[in-house]
Amino acid sequence: MRGKNVLTAALLLFVAASVVTLIAKNVGTTADATELDTPRDGVAVTFFHRKERCDSCRKIEAYAHEAVDSQFKQELTEGTVCWNVMDYEEPGCETYVEKYGLITSTVVVARYVDGEEVSAQNLMKVWDLRSDKAAFLKFIADQTSAAMAGDSVNPEPDDTEETDDETEEHVDGDGVGVDISELLGE
């Protein structure tokens, strides 16, 4: 009888802990995780990703974040540059997939004037630069600066060479390898 009471108590504690964990995970989440943080006048740099992310996807996110954080500290504080990370497979993100032509993890730089997006560029070239951190950081900083200045954003870096691993297979959400160069039409 005592063993049965201990087992019942343990199961009740497990259920209670599970409920507390679920509540804790939902506390602090935004009401609408499909909205980007955008400036009234400035630039939003967004890393879009899928649910399943490979090492290269994580590297691209880390490098892009480092570039924005290190080169635009004052602008981030002032709110003229915004950094976002978004899973484009989440319900409600279909607009971004269509608007920016999202097919895999990427960085998008968008310029805003009076709260309206006036230009945006999907920087798929980050895939070619992921093996050269210095070139990657410079590319993101240059593209963000160009967008801030109102210049047209150039998704092709001028002074970088293509890497040998540009055709690395990227594992999509279904676990199927996808040759990035095929996705890019190269």
Protein backbone atom coordinates (compact mmCIF):
# COMPACT_ATOMS: atom_id res chain seq x y z
CA MET A 1 0.00 0.00 0.00
CA ARG A 2 2.83 2.40 0.89
CA GLY A 3 4.50 1.73 -2.49
CA LYS A 4 1.27 2.60 -4.28
CA ASN A 5 1.00 5.94 -2.44
CA VAL A 6 4.63 6.79 -3.26
CA LEU A 7 4.04 6.00 -6.94
CA THR A 8 0.85 8.10 -7.00
CA ALA A 9 2.65 11.02 -5.35
CA ALA A 10 5.54 10.74 -7.81
CA LEU A 11 3.16 10.75 -10.80
CA LEU A 12 1.29 13.78 -9.44
CA LEU A 13 4.57 15.63 -8.94
CA PHE A 14 5.59 14.78 -12.52
CA VAL A 15 2.29 16.11 -13.90
CA ALA A 16 2.56 19.27 -11.79
CA ALA A 17 6.15 19.84 -12.91
CA SER A 18 5.11 19.37 -16.55
CA VAL A 19 2.34 21.95 -16.22
CA VAL A 20 4.69 24.44 -14.54
CA THR A 21 7.27 23.89 -17.32
CA LEU A 22 4.66 24.52 -20.04
CA ILE A 23 3.50 27.71 -18.34
CA ALA A 24 7.07 28.91 -17.84
CA LYS A 25 7.89 28.37 -21.51
CA ASN A 26 4.96 30.55 -22.57
CA VAL A 27 5.65 33.38 -20.12
CA GLY A 28 7.55 36.18 -21.79
CA THR A 29 6.79 35.18 -25.35
CA THR A 30 5.48 37.93 -27.56
CA ALA A 31 1.84 37.92 -28.54
CA ASP A 32 2.80 37.80 -32.21
CA ALA A 33 6.16 36.20 -32.96
CA THR A 34 5.63 36.78 -36.68
CA GLU A 35 6.22 40.54 -36.52
CA LEU A 36 9.68 41.96 -37.10
CA ASP A 37 11.18 44.71 -35.00
CA THR A 38 11.54 47.55 -37.51
CA PRO A 39 12.71 51.14 -37.22
CA ARG A 40 10.62 54.13 -38.20
CA ASP A 41 13.61 55.39 -40.20
CA GLY A 42 16.52 53.00 -40.58
CA VAL A 43 17.38 49.41 -41.35
CA ALA A 44 16.19 46.01 -40.12
CA VAL A 45 18.64 43.14 -40.49
CA THR A 46 16.88 39.80 -40.15
CA PHE A 47 18.24 36.28 -40.05
CA PHE A 48 15.50 33.98 -41.37
CA HIS A 49 15.80 30.27 -40.66
CA ARG A 50 13.89 27.01 -40.79
CA LYS A 51 12.97 24.90 -37.77
CA GLU A 52 15.80 22.46 -38.51
CA ARG A 53 19.16 24.21 -38.71
CA CYS A 54 22.53 22.83 -39.77
CA ASP A 55 25.93 24.02 -38.52
CA SER A 56 26.25 26.40 -41.50
CA CYS A 57 22.86 27.98 -40.69
CA ARG A 58 23.94 28.56 -37.11
CA LYS A 59 27.27 29.99 -38.28
CA ILE A 60 25.51 32.42 -40.65
CA GLU A 61 23.27 33.59 -37.81
CA ALA A 62 26.20 34.04 -35.43
CA TYR A 63 28.33 35.91 -37.98
CA ALA A 64 25.47 38.18 -39.07
CA HIS A 65 24.60 38.98 -35.47
CA GLU A 66 28.25 39.70 -34.69
CA ALA A 67 28.54 42.01 -37.71
CA VAL A 68 25.47 44.02 -36.74
CA ASP A 69 26.25 44.07 -33.04
CA SER A 70 29.90 45.09 -33.46
CA GLN A 71 29.49 47.63 -36.26
CA PHE A 72 26.17 49.27 -35.34
CA LYS A 73 26.09 49.42 -31.52
CA GLN A 74 24.99 53.06 -31.41
CA GLU A 75 22.36 52.57 -34.12
CA LEU A 76 20.99 49.50 -32.30
CA THR A 77 20.72 51.57 -29.12
CA GLU A 78 19.08 54.46 -30.98
CA GLY A 79 16.70 52.11 -32.79
CA THR A 80 17.80 53.07 -36.31
CA VAL A 81 19.10 49.53 -36.83
CA CYS A 82 17.12 46.52 -35.64
CA TRP A 83 18.29 42.90 -35.43
CA ASN A 84 15.77 40.08 -35.82
CA VAL A 85 15.85 36.29 -35.88
CA MET A 86 12.79 34.55 -37.26
CA ASP A 87 11.74 31.00 -38.07
CA TYR A 88 10.04 31.52 -41.43
CA GLU A 89 8.24 28.18 -41.15
CA GLU A 90 6.12 29.44 -38.26
CA PRO A 91 2.44 30.03 -39.06
CA GLY A 92 1.93 33.64 -40.11
CA CYS A 93 5.35 34.02 -41.75
CA GLU A 94 4.17 33.12 -45.25
CA THR A 95 4.30 36.81 -46.18
CA TYR A 96 8.06 36.92 -45.57
CA VAL A 97 8.64 33.74 -47.59
CA GLU A 98 6.83 35.28 -50.54
CA LYS A 99 8.10 38.84 -50.12
CA TYR A 100 11.80 37.96 -49.74
CA GLY A 101 11.92 34.72 -51.75
CA LEU A 102 13.01 32.65 -48.75
CA ILE A 103 14.12 29.12 -49.65
CA THR A 104 16.62 28.46 -46.87
CA SER A 105 18.32 30.29 -44.02
CA THR A 106 19.44 33.75 -45.12
CA VAL A 107 19.94 37.36 -44.07
CA VAL A 108 17.60 40.09 -45.31
CA VAL A 109 18.46 43.78 -45.05
CA ALA A 110 15.44 46.10 -45.34
CA ARG A 111 15.33 49.91 -45.30
CA TYR A 112 12.44 51.80 -43.69
CA VAL A 113 11.34 55.40 -44.18
CA ASP A 114 8.45 56.82 -42.12
CA GLY A 115 7.73 53.29 -40.89
CA GLU A 116 7.33 51.84 -44.39
CA GLU A 117 9.69 49.38 -46.02
CA VAL A 118 11.14 51.05 -49.11
CA SER A 119 13.73 48.47 -50.13
CA ALA A 120 14.93 45.03 -49.15
CA GLN A 121 17.56 42.58 -50.25
CA ASN A 122 17.85 38.85 -49.59
CA LEU A 123 21.59 38.35 -49.07
CA MET A 124 21.91 34.71 -50.16
CA LYS A 125 25.59 35.43 -50.85
CA VAL A 126 26.14 34.75 -47.13
CA TRP A 127 26.25 31.06 -48.07
CA ASP A 128 29.31 31.66 -50.23
CA LEU A 129 31.01 33.71 -47.52
CA ARG A 130 30.34 31.51 -44.49
CA SER A 131 33.86 30.01 -44.68
CA ASP A 132 35.53 33.45 -44.60
CA LYS A 133 34.47 35.21 -41.41
CA ALA A 134 36.24 38.50 -42.15
CA ALA A 135 34.66 38.76 -45.62
CA PHE A 136 31.27 37.77 -44.19
CA LEU A 137 31.38 40.43 -41.45
CA LYS A 138 32.48 43.10 -43.94
CA PHE A 139 29.75 42.09 -46.40
CA ILE A 140 26.97 42.37 -43.80
CA ALA A 141 28.37 45.68 -42.49
CA ASP A 142 28.69 47.08 -46.04
CA GLN A 143 25.17 46.01 -47.03
CA THR A 144 23.70 47.45 -43.82
CA SER A 145 25.60 50.72 -44.27
CA ALA A 146 24.49 50.98 -47.92
CA ALA A 147 20.86 50.46 -46.92
CA MET A 148 21.17 53.07 -44.15
CA ALA A 149 22.58 55.57 -46.66
CA GLY A 150 19.69 54.87 -49.01
CA ASP A 151 22.02 53.38 -51.60
CA SER A 152 20.92 50.34 -53.51
CA VAL A 153 22.01 47.22 -51.72
CA ASN A 154 24.47 45.09 -53.69
CA PRO A 155 24.06 41.41 -52.78
CA GLU A 156 27.31 40.49 -54.59
CA PRO A 157 30.53 41.34 -52.76
CA ASP A 158 33.18 42.93 -54.98
CA ASP A 159 36.38 41.60 -53.45
CA THR A 160 35.67 38.05 -52.37
CA GLU A 161 36.30 34.76 -54.04
CA GLU A 162 33.86 31.89 -54.05
CA THR A 163 34.69 29.16 -51.58
CA ASP A 164 35.38 25.57 -52.53
CA ASP A 165 32.50 24.35 -50.38
CA GLU A 166 29.78 26.46 -51.96
CA THR A 167 27.86 23.35 -52.97
CA GLU A 168 27.72 21.97 -49.43
CA GLU A 169 24.56 20.05 -48.86
CA HIS A 170 22.12 21.79 -46.59
CA VAL A 171 19.72 19.54 -44.71
CA ASP A 172 16.19 20.85 -44.92
CA GLY A 173 13.43 20.32 -42.38
CA ASP A 174 12.57 16.93 -43.83
CA GLY A 175 16.13 15.67 -43.41
CA VAL A 176 16.67 15.73 -47.17
CA GLY A 177 19.96 17.10 -48.47
CA VAL A 178 19.58 20.10 -50.73
CA ASP A 179 22.46 21.40 -52.85
CA ILE A 180 22.50 25.14 -52.13
CA SER A 181 23.89 25.98 -55.58
CA GLU A 182 20.84 24.32 -57.12
CA LEU A 183 18.53 26.40 -54.92
CA LEU A 184 20.35 29.53 -56.01
CA GLY A 185 20.12 28.59 -59.67
CA GLU A 186 23.90 28.46 -60.09
